[in-house]
Amino acid sequence: MSWYEELDKWAADYLPDMEYEKDAPLDRYTSFRIGGPARRMAFPRSGEAAVLLVSHALELGARPFVLGNGTNVLFPDEGVERLVICTRDMAGVVAGAVAGEITAECGASLAKIAVFAQKAGLSGLEFAHGIPGRLGGAVCMNAGAYGGEMAQVVKEVTVLFPEDGVKTLSGEEMAFSYRHSLLTEHPDTVVLRATLRLQAGIPGEIREKMDELMARRKASQPLEYPSAGSTFKRPAGYYAAALIDQCGLKGLTVGGAQVSEKHAGFVINRGGASCADVTALMAEIQKRVREQTGVVLEPEVRVIT
C-alpha cells in the first residue's frame, strides 16, 4: 500500500472532521497561481490535529510541507509527491493573558491580526496590514515592510520540532535577522502559534497609519497580477529592485512571467506562467545583475519540490 493510501485511511479514522483533498491543484493555493497537484492536501483545524498529522505523515514517508497563504513559494508544474498541510483553518486570534499581548494561531492572516490589534488600541503591527501572508510563515522568515518586521513584536513562538516535540521559544531564541530566523535552518518545523507584544495606541491613529501604508503599497506594487511579492532578498548595501531596474530589466519576459514594469522587485504572472517560466526568468535576472554590478541576488521565493 502506498503512503497516501495509508494516510487516506488514517485520516478518515483519526481526523474525520478535517478537510482532505486528493491530487489537490496547488495553483489554487499560491499567490503566483502556479503549480501542479499535491498528491495529498490536508487542512487541520487545530494545533493538536496538526501535530498528530505531521507525526504520522513523517512515519509514512509523506514528506509533509506546511503551507500558509502560499505567498512566498513556487511549486513545480508537475506537482509534488508529498503531503501539503494548509494552515488556513487554524486562524484563531485572541487577546493575550497580559495587557498589550495578542496570541494567534499559525494560519491567521497578518491582515486579520493587524486589524484585531488596531481595534484593541495596540500599535506595532501597522507594517503587517498589507503583507498577504499568514502568521506561521511570517514568523519563520521574519517578514517585514516599511521599517517594521516580526522580530520587533514576537514575544514567543510555539513550534513543533519533528524530532523533539512541541517547544516554546522566546523572541530572543528565535535568533531573528533579515528575512531569517532559527526556523529557517529547520525547514521541517511547524509554527503552531505565537504571542505578540505590542504597545498601547489610539485606534484611529493606528488605522490612519495602516491605511497610509496600504496606499503606498498599492501605488508602488503590481497588486493586480499574481506574484509572490518581493522575488529577491535585499543584498547588503543595496536594494534588489533598484539593481534590477538599473540593469534595464523591467519588462523582461519569459513565457508568461515578467519583471513588473511597476516595481522591478516583483516577478509577476502575466497569464499562464509556468514554474519553469518563473525560475528561468529569475535565473536570467540573477545572471544579468551579477554580470553588470557584481552583486549576487538571493531568491526570497522558495521553490518546493
Protein backbone atom coordinates (compact mmCIF):
# COMPACT_ATOMS: atom_id res chain seq x y z
CA MET A 1 0.00 0.00 0.00
CA SER A 2 1.32 3.47 -0.89
CA TRP A 3 1.94 6.12 1.76
CA TYR A 4 -1.03 8.15 0.53
CA GLU A 5 -3.41 5.21 0.64
CA GLU A 6 -2.32 4.53 4.21
CA LEU A 7 -2.73 8.22 5.03
CA ASP A 8 -6.22 8.25 3.49
CA LYS A 9 -7.33 5.51 5.86
CA TRP A 10 -5.62 7.02 8.90
CA ALA A 11 -7.10 10.50 8.28
CA ALA A 12 -10.61 9.07 7.90
CA ASP A 13 -10.23 7.15 11.17
CA TYR A 14 -8.48 9.71 13.36
CA LEU A 15 -9.27 13.15 11.90
CA PRO A 16 -12.68 12.65 10.24
CA ASP A 17 -13.65 16.33 10.51
CA MET A 18 -10.52 17.54 8.72
CA GLU A 19 -10.86 18.69 5.11
CA TYR A 20 -8.70 16.44 2.95
CA GLU A 21 -8.01 16.53 -0.80
CA LYS A 22 -6.55 14.06 -3.26
CA ASP A 23 -4.40 15.43 -6.09
CA ALA A 24 -5.10 18.99 -4.98
CA PRO A 25 -4.22 21.64 -7.63
CA LEU A 26 -1.67 23.86 -5.93
CA ASP A 27 -2.25 26.82 -8.23
CA ARG A 28 -5.42 27.44 -6.21
CA TYR A 29 -3.41 27.82 -3.02
CA THR A 30 -0.48 30.02 -4.06
CA SER A 31 -0.35 33.73 -4.78
CA PHE A 32 1.56 33.05 -8.02
CA ARG A 33 -1.39 30.91 -9.23
CA ILE A 34 1.17 28.34 -10.39
CA GLY A 35 1.71 24.69 -9.51
CA GLY A 36 0.59 21.17 -10.33
CA PRO A 37 -1.17 18.78 -7.94
CA ALA A 38 -0.12 17.78 -4.45
CA ARG A 39 -0.57 14.04 -4.04
CA ARG A 40 -2.50 14.80 -0.85
CA MET A 41 -3.50 18.02 0.90
CA ALA A 42 -4.90 18.39 4.41
CA PHE A 43 -6.43 21.28 6.35
CA PRO A 44 -6.14 20.61 10.11
CA ARG A 45 -8.36 22.70 12.36
CA SER A 46 -6.17 22.81 15.47
CA GLY A 47 -2.60 22.63 16.64
CA GLU A 48 -3.30 19.24 18.19
CA ALA A 49 -4.57 17.89 14.86
CA ALA A 50 -1.55 19.34 13.06
CA VAL A 51 0.86 17.66 15.48
CA LEU A 52 -0.88 14.30 15.01
CA LEU A 53 -0.93 14.70 11.24
CA VAL A 54 2.71 15.74 10.88
CA SER A 55 3.92 12.96 13.16
CA HIS A 56 2.03 10.26 11.26
CA ALA A 57 2.94 11.69 7.86
CA LEU A 58 6.63 11.54 8.77
CA GLU A 59 6.26 7.91 9.81
CA LEU A 60 4.72 7.13 6.41
CA GLY A 61 7.39 9.00 4.44
CA ALA A 62 4.87 11.53 3.14
CA ARG A 63 7.38 14.43 3.38
CA PRO A 64 4.84 16.88 4.85
CA PHE A 65 5.17 20.50 3.78
CA VAL A 66 3.30 23.21 5.70
CA LEU A 67 1.69 25.90 3.54
CA GLY A 68 0.22 29.14 4.82
CA ASN A 69 -1.16 31.60 2.29
CA GLY A 70 1.22 30.41 -0.41
CA THR A 71 2.70 33.89 -0.79
CA ASN A 72 6.40 33.11 -0.82
CA VAL A 73 6.54 29.73 -2.53
CA LEU A 74 6.54 28.27 -6.01
CA PHE A 75 5.50 24.70 -6.81
CA PRO A 76 6.63 22.80 -9.93
CA ASP A 77 4.29 22.40 -12.87
CA GLU A 78 4.23 18.62 -12.43
CA GLY A 79 3.18 18.97 -8.79
CA VAL A 80 4.69 17.33 -5.72
CA GLU A 81 4.67 13.75 -4.50
CA ARG A 82 4.10 14.68 -0.87
CA LEU A 83 1.54 15.78 1.69
CA VAL A 84 0.88 19.52 1.76
CA ILE A 85 -0.64 20.74 5.03
CA CYS A 86 -2.51 24.04 4.74
CA THR A 87 -2.93 26.07 7.94
CA ARG A 88 -5.94 28.03 6.63
CA ASP A 89 -8.32 26.58 9.24
CA MET A 90 -6.01 27.29 12.20
CA ALA A 91 -6.69 31.01 12.32
CA GLY A 92 -7.73 31.98 15.84
CA VAL A 93 -6.69 35.35 17.29
CA VAL A 94 -7.24 36.24 20.96
CA ALA A 95 -6.11 38.84 23.46
CA GLY A 96 -3.15 37.59 25.48
CA ALA A 97 -3.13 36.93 29.21
CA VAL A 98 -1.06 40.09 29.68
CA ALA A 99 -2.17 43.56 28.62
CA GLY A 100 -0.67 44.56 25.29
CA GLU A 101 -0.29 40.99 24.03
CA ILE A 102 -2.07 39.02 21.30
CA THR A 103 -1.86 35.28 20.73
CA ALA A 104 -2.66 33.94 17.28
CA GLU A 105 -2.62 30.57 15.56
CA CYS A 106 -0.26 29.96 12.67
CA GLY A 107 -2.94 30.22 9.99
CA ALA A 108 -4.22 33.66 10.99
CA SER A 109 -3.57 36.22 8.27
CA LEU A 110 -1.33 39.15 9.13
CA ALA A 111 -4.10 41.47 7.95
CA LYS A 112 -6.57 39.88 10.40
CA ILE A 113 -4.11 40.15 13.30
CA ALA A 114 -3.25 43.76 12.43
CA VAL A 115 -6.93 44.74 12.39
CA PHE A 116 -7.53 42.89 15.68
CA ALA A 117 -4.66 44.85 17.23
CA GLN A 118 -5.90 48.16 15.82
CA LYS A 119 -9.38 47.68 17.23
CA ALA A 120 -7.84 46.81 20.60
CA GLY A 121 -5.79 50.01 20.54
CA LEU A 122 -2.48 48.19 20.14
CA SER A 123 0.27 49.58 17.93
CA GLY A 124 3.26 47.87 16.34
CA LEU A 125 1.69 45.77 13.59
CA GLU A 126 0.75 48.56 11.21
CA PHE A 127 3.51 47.45 8.83
CA ALA A 128 1.93 43.99 8.54
CA HIS A 129 -1.51 45.10 7.39
CA GLY A 130 -0.75 44.77 3.69
CA ILE A 131 1.51 41.72 3.85
CA PRO A 132 -0.58 38.91 2.32
CA GLY A 133 0.88 36.01 4.31
CA ARG A 134 -0.15 34.10 7.41
CA LEU A 135 1.47 34.25 10.83
CA GLY A 136 3.42 30.98 10.65
CA GLY A 137 5.33 31.87 7.52
CA ALA A 138 5.79 35.47 8.62
CA VAL A 139 7.43 34.34 11.86
CA CYS A 140 9.65 31.78 10.11
CA MET A 141 11.06 34.28 7.62
CA ASN A 142 10.83 37.40 9.81
CA ALA A 143 8.53 39.12 7.33
CA GLY A 144 8.57 42.87 7.26
CA ALA A 145 7.82 46.06 5.34
CA TYR A 146 8.20 49.81 5.67
CA GLY A 147 10.72 49.61 8.51
CA GLY A 148 8.79 47.06 10.58
CA GLU A 149 9.39 43.33 10.96
CA MET A 150 8.12 40.42 13.02
CA ALA A 151 11.26 40.39 15.17
CA GLN A 152 10.08 43.66 16.73
CA VAL A 153 6.82 42.21 18.04
CA VAL A 154 7.30 38.47 18.66
CA LYS A 155 7.38 37.56 22.35
CA GLU A 156 7.29 33.78 21.98
CA VAL A 157 6.55 31.08 19.42
CA THR A 158 5.22 27.56 19.97
CA VAL A 159 6.84 25.23 17.47
CA LEU A 160 6.64 21.54 16.59
CA PHE A 161 10.09 20.04 16.09
CA PRO A 162 9.61 16.63 14.43
CA GLU A 163 12.42 15.03 16.45
CA ASP A 164 11.89 16.83 19.77
CA GLY A 165 8.17 17.55 20.02
CA VAL A 166 6.48 20.86 20.84
CA LYS A 167 8.62 23.65 22.31
CA THR A 168 8.02 27.31 23.11
CA LEU A 169 10.82 29.65 22.07
CA SER A 170 11.30 33.26 23.17
CA GLY A 171 11.80 36.00 20.63
CA GLU A 172 15.49 36.01 21.54
CA GLU A 173 15.76 32.25 21.00
CA MET A 174 14.25 32.68 17.54
CA ALA A 175 17.51 34.44 16.52
CA PHE A 176 15.80 36.78 14.07
CA SER A 177 17.75 38.57 11.35
CA TYR A 178 16.83 39.98 7.94
CA ARG A 179 14.23 37.59 6.41
CA HIS A 180 15.61 34.82 8.59
CA SER A 181 15.10 33.05 11.91
CA LEU A 182 16.22 29.92 13.71
CA LEU A 183 13.37 28.09 11.97
CA THR A 184 14.77 28.91 8.54
CA GLU A 185 17.55 26.46 9.40
CA HIS A 186 14.98 23.81 10.36
CA PRO A 187 12.51 23.66 7.45
CA ASP A 188 10.71 20.62 8.88
CA THR A 189 9.49 22.56 11.91
CA VAL A 190 5.89 23.77 12.19
CA VAL A 191 4.88 27.02 13.87
CA LEU A 192 1.68 26.35 15.83
CA ARG A 193 1.04 29.77 17.39
CA ALA A 194 2.80 32.92 18.52
CA THR A 195 2.32 35.62 21.13
CA LEU A 196 2.99 39.19 20.03
CA ARG A 197 3.88 42.05 22.36
CA LEU A 198 2.55 45.44 21.26
CA GLN A 199 2.26 49.00 22.59
CA ALA A 200 -0.78 50.98 23.62
CA GLY A 201 -2.03 53.35 20.96
CA ILE A 202 -5.09 55.23 19.71
CA PRO A 203 -7.25 53.11 17.36
CA GLY A 204 -7.97 55.98 14.96
CA GLU A 205 -4.30 56.91 14.62
CA ILE A 206 -3.30 53.27 14.15
CA ARG A 207 -5.93 52.93 11.42
CA GLU A 208 -4.62 56.04 9.66
CA LYS A 209 -1.09 54.60 9.63
CA MET A 210 -2.34 51.26 8.30
CA ASP A 211 -4.30 53.00 5.53
CA GLU A 212 -1.29 55.15 4.65
CA LEU A 213 0.98 52.12 4.28
CA MET A 214 -1.65 50.26 2.26
CA ALA A 215 -1.98 53.23 -0.10
CA ARG A 216 1.80 53.29 -0.57
CA ARG A 217 1.78 49.58 -1.31
CA LYS A 218 -1.00 49.89 -3.90
CA ALA A 219 0.72 52.84 -5.56
CA SER A 220 4.10 51.14 -5.90
CA GLN A 221 3.41 47.41 -6.29
CA PRO A 222 1.74 45.40 -9.10
CA LEU A 223 -1.02 44.00 -6.90
CA GLU A 224 -3.27 43.47 -9.93
CA TYR A 225 -1.13 40.50 -11.03
CA PRO A 226 -0.37 37.19 -9.29
CA SER A 227 3.11 37.17 -7.77
CA ALA A 228 4.99 36.04 -4.69
CA GLY A 229 5.81 39.57 -3.60
CA SER A 230 9.48 40.54 -3.49
CA THR A 231 11.32 37.97 -5.58
CA PHE A 232 14.80 38.54 -4.15
CA LYS A 233 16.17 39.41 -0.74
CA ARG A 234 17.78 42.80 -0.22
CA PRO A 235 21.55 42.50 -0.70
CA ALA A 236 23.67 44.23 1.95
CA GLY A 237 24.03 47.88 1.00
CA TYR A 238 21.66 47.68 -1.97
CA TYR A 239 18.01 47.31 -2.95
CA ALA A 240 17.23 44.40 -5.25
CA ALA A 241 14.59 46.35 -7.18
CA ALA A 242 16.97 49.25 -7.80
CA LEU A 243 19.68 46.91 -9.11
CA ILE A 244 17.23 45.14 -11.41
CA ASP A 245 15.94 48.48 -12.71
CA GLN A 246 19.49 49.79 -13.12
CA CYS A 247 20.24 46.79 -15.35
CA GLY A 248 17.30 47.69 -17.58
CA LEU A 249 15.32 44.56 -16.78
CA LYS A 250 11.84 45.98 -16.23
CA GLY A 251 9.51 44.24 -18.65
CA LEU A 252 11.90 41.32 -19.27
CA THR A 253 9.69 38.33 -20.08
CA VAL A 254 9.99 34.56 -20.20
CA GLY A 255 6.76 32.86 -21.27
CA GLY A 256 4.01 34.16 -19.01
CA ALA A 257 6.41 35.51 -16.38
CA GLN A 258 7.59 39.12 -16.43
CA VAL A 259 9.65 41.57 -14.41
CA SER A 260 7.00 44.08 -13.40
CA GLU A 261 7.08 47.45 -15.17
CA LYS A 262 5.67 48.99 -12.00
CA HIS A 263 8.14 47.53 -9.47
CA ALA A 264 11.31 45.78 -10.65
CA GLY A 265 11.49 43.73 -7.46
CA PHE A 266 8.41 41.74 -8.49
CA VAL A 267 8.23 38.87 -10.97
CA ILE A 268 4.58 38.64 -11.99
CA ASN A 269 2.37 36.08 -13.69
CA ARG A 270 1.02 37.93 -16.72
CA GLY A 271 -1.18 34.95 -17.54
CA GLY A 272 -0.45 31.28 -17.97
CA ALA A 273 3.05 31.45 -16.48
CA SER A 274 4.61 28.14 -15.52
CA CYS A 275 7.04 27.37 -12.73
CA ALA A 276 9.66 26.85 -15.44
CA ASP A 277 8.96 30.35 -16.81
CA VAL A 278 9.43 31.95 -13.40
CA THR A 279 12.59 30.07 -12.46
CA ALA A 280 14.14 30.75 -15.88
CA LEU A 281 13.35 34.46 -15.53
CA MET A 282 14.77 34.56 -12.00
CA ALA A 283 17.97 32.89 -13.21
CA GLU A 284 18.30 35.41 -16.05
CA ILE A 285 17.80 38.32 -13.63
CA GLN A 286 20.48 36.93 -11.31
CA LYS A 287 22.87 36.42 -14.24
CA ARG A 288 22.49 39.92 -15.66
CA VAL A 289 22.65 41.68 -12.29
CA ARG A 290 25.78 39.73 -11.36
CA GLU A 291 27.42 40.48 -14.71
CA GLN A 292 26.60 44.19 -14.65
CA THR A 293 27.01 45.03 -10.96
CA GLY A 294 28.88 42.15 -9.33
CA VAL A 295 26.04 41.72 -6.82
CA VAL A 296 24.61 38.24 -6.26
CA LEU A 297 20.84 38.26 -5.70
CA GLU A 298 19.47 35.63 -3.34
CA PRO A 299 15.90 34.47 -4.01
CA GLU A 300 13.27 35.22 -1.39
CA VAL A 301 10.82 32.92 -3.17
CA ARG A 302 11.21 29.24 -2.25
CA VAL A 303 10.83 26.59 -4.95
CA ILE A 304 9.28 23.50 -3.33
CA THR A 305 9.89 20.07 -4.86
